[in-house]
Amino acid sequence: QVQLVESGGGLVQAGGSLRLSCAASGSVSSIETMAWFRQAPGKQRELVATITESGRITYAESVRGRFVISRTNANNTIYLQMNSPKPEDTAVFYCAARFKGRLGFTSWGQGTQVTVSS
């Protein structure tokens, strides 16, 4: 079992910066990939960025060049540095984990609200 707790959300002005954190606890050695998703009002949840235990990173096209995902070496915490956010980035951001030998992201945090003002 892994527990994920996000923090760092809030109100930010467009063009500013904000950093989200996700702390993992429990069986963290079983995690293969961690990710940030987001869900805006009235929209489907979408994948924002992923990072594997080996450090391989992917980004959604909509955030590439603006957001940076990173993690601690112990794989206990991941971050999402949001640079130059736009109003359309407003959403609830969720941290998620995919486990070794399993398909899909099956462990989720409770989410943290990010609101970008224009």
Protein backbone atom coordinates (compact mmCIF):
# COMPACT_ATOMS: atom_id res chain seq x y z
CA GLN A 1 0.00 0.00 0.00
CA VAL A 2 1.16 3.50 -0.84
CA GLN A 3 -0.31 6.75 0.41
CA LEU A 4 0.11 9.93 -1.61
CA VAL A 5 -0.36 13.41 -0.17
CA GLU A 6 -0.22 16.52 -2.36
CA SER A 7 0.54 20.02 -1.17
CA GLY A 8 1.47 23.41 -2.56
CA GLY A 9 -1.64 24.35 -4.45
CA GLY A 10 -3.21 27.78 -4.26
CA LEU A 11 -3.79 30.97 -6.17
CA VAL A 12 -1.10 32.21 -8.52
CA GLN A 13 -0.99 34.98 -11.08
CA ALA A 14 -0.49 34.16 -14.71
CA GLY A 15 3.21 34.31 -15.50
CA GLY A 16 4.20 33.55 -11.92
CA SER A 17 5.34 30.25 -10.49
CA LEU A 18 4.11 27.60 -8.12
CA ARG A 19 5.54 24.29 -6.92
CA LEU A 20 3.45 21.28 -6.06
CA SER A 21 4.71 18.44 -3.90
CA CYS A 22 3.55 14.87 -3.51
CA ALA A 23 4.84 12.83 -0.60
CA ALA A 24 4.62 9.06 -0.88
CA SER A 25 4.65 6.75 2.10
CA GLY A 26 4.31 3.02 2.57
CA SER A 27 5.70 0.57 0.04
CA VAL A 28 7.47 3.20 -2.09
CA SER A 29 9.99 0.66 -3.42
CA SER A 30 7.14 -0.93 -5.38
CA ILE A 31 6.51 2.26 -7.38
CA GLU A 32 7.62 2.19 -11.03
CA THR A 33 6.22 5.53 -12.23
CA MET A 34 4.76 8.58 -10.56
CA ALA A 35 2.73 11.20 -12.32
CA TRP A 36 0.79 14.41 -12.08
CA PHE A 37 -2.70 14.56 -13.53
CA ARG A 38 -5.14 17.45 -13.53
CA GLN A 39 -8.85 17.91 -13.91
CA ALA A 40 -10.46 21.21 -14.78
CA PRO A 41 -14.15 21.87 -14.13
CA GLY A 42 -16.29 20.11 -16.71
CA LYS A 43 -13.31 18.37 -18.30
CA GLN A 44 -11.79 14.91 -18.16
CA ARG A 45 -8.77 14.19 -16.06
CA GLU A 46 -5.61 14.55 -18.13
CA LEU A 47 -2.04 13.43 -17.72
CA VAL A 48 0.37 16.30 -17.13
CA ALA A 49 3.76 14.67 -16.55
CA THR A 50 5.34 11.37 -15.55
CA ILE A 51 8.64 10.32 -14.04
CA THR A 52 9.89 6.76 -13.71
CA GLU A 53 12.12 5.32 -10.99
CA SER A 54 14.98 5.50 -13.49
CA GLY A 55 14.32 9.18 -14.09
CA ARG A 56 12.66 8.98 -17.50
CA ILE A 57 10.30 11.95 -17.92
CA THR A 58 7.37 12.74 -20.20
CA TYR A 59 5.19 15.84 -20.48
CA ALA A 60 1.87 16.72 -22.01
CA GLU A 61 2.33 19.00 -24.97
CA SER A 62 0.29 21.70 -23.24
CA VAL A 63 2.82 22.08 -20.42
CA ARG A 64 6.10 21.17 -22.12
CA GLY A 65 8.66 23.92 -21.61
CA ARG A 66 6.72 25.48 -18.72
CA PHE A 67 6.33 22.73 -16.11
CA VAL A 68 9.11 20.61 -14.65
CA ILE A 69 8.60 17.30 -12.85
CA SER A 70 11.28 16.04 -10.49
CA ARG A 71 11.70 13.68 -7.56
CA THR A 72 13.91 12.97 -4.60
CA ASN A 73 16.42 10.15 -4.95
CA ALA A 74 14.55 8.13 -2.38
CA ASN A 75 11.47 8.27 -4.63
CA ASN A 76 9.47 9.45 -1.69
CA THR A 77 8.52 12.87 -3.02
CA ILE A 78 7.85 14.25 -6.45
CA TYR A 79 7.42 17.85 -7.43
CA LEU A 80 5.79 19.81 -10.20
CA GLN A 81 7.36 23.20 -10.78
CA MET A 82 4.80 25.29 -12.62
CA ASN A 83 6.44 28.19 -14.43
CA SER A 84 4.52 30.79 -16.40
CA PRO A 85 1.16 29.25 -15.61
CA LYS A 86 -1.84 30.29 -17.65
CA PRO A 87 -5.49 30.66 -16.60
CA GLU A 88 -6.25 27.50 -18.56
CA ASP A 89 -3.96 25.59 -16.19
CA THR A 90 -6.55 26.09 -13.43
CA ALA A 91 -7.50 22.64 -12.19
CA VAL A 92 -7.31 20.18 -9.35
CA PHE A 93 -3.91 18.52 -9.61
CA TYR A 94 -3.54 14.88 -8.54
CA CYS A 95 -0.49 12.80 -7.84
CA ALA A 96 -0.62 9.15 -8.89
CA ALA A 97 1.55 6.04 -8.79
CA ARG A 98 1.90 3.01 -11.05
CA PHE A 99 3.41 -0.08 -9.53
CA LYS A 100 5.95 -2.54 -10.90
CA GLY A 101 4.29 -5.34 -12.80
CA ARG A 102 0.89 -3.63 -12.83
CA LEU A 103 -0.96 -1.65 -15.45
CA GLY A 104 -2.34 1.81 -14.93
CA PHE A 105 -2.11 4.28 -12.11
CA THR A 106 -3.83 2.68 -9.15
CA SER A 107 -2.84 4.87 -6.22
CA TRP A 108 -4.04 8.48 -6.07
CA GLY A 109 -3.71 11.46 -3.81
CA GLN A 110 -6.61 13.60 -2.70
CA GLY A 111 -5.77 16.44 -5.08
CA THR A 112 -4.74 20.05 -4.62
CA GLN A 113 -6.47 23.03 -6.22
CA VAL A 114 -4.45 25.35 -8.44
CA THR A 115 -6.10 28.56 -9.59
CA VAL A 116 -4.33 30.83 -12.06
CA SER A 117 -5.61 34.38 -12.24
CA SER A 118 -5.22 36.53 -15.33
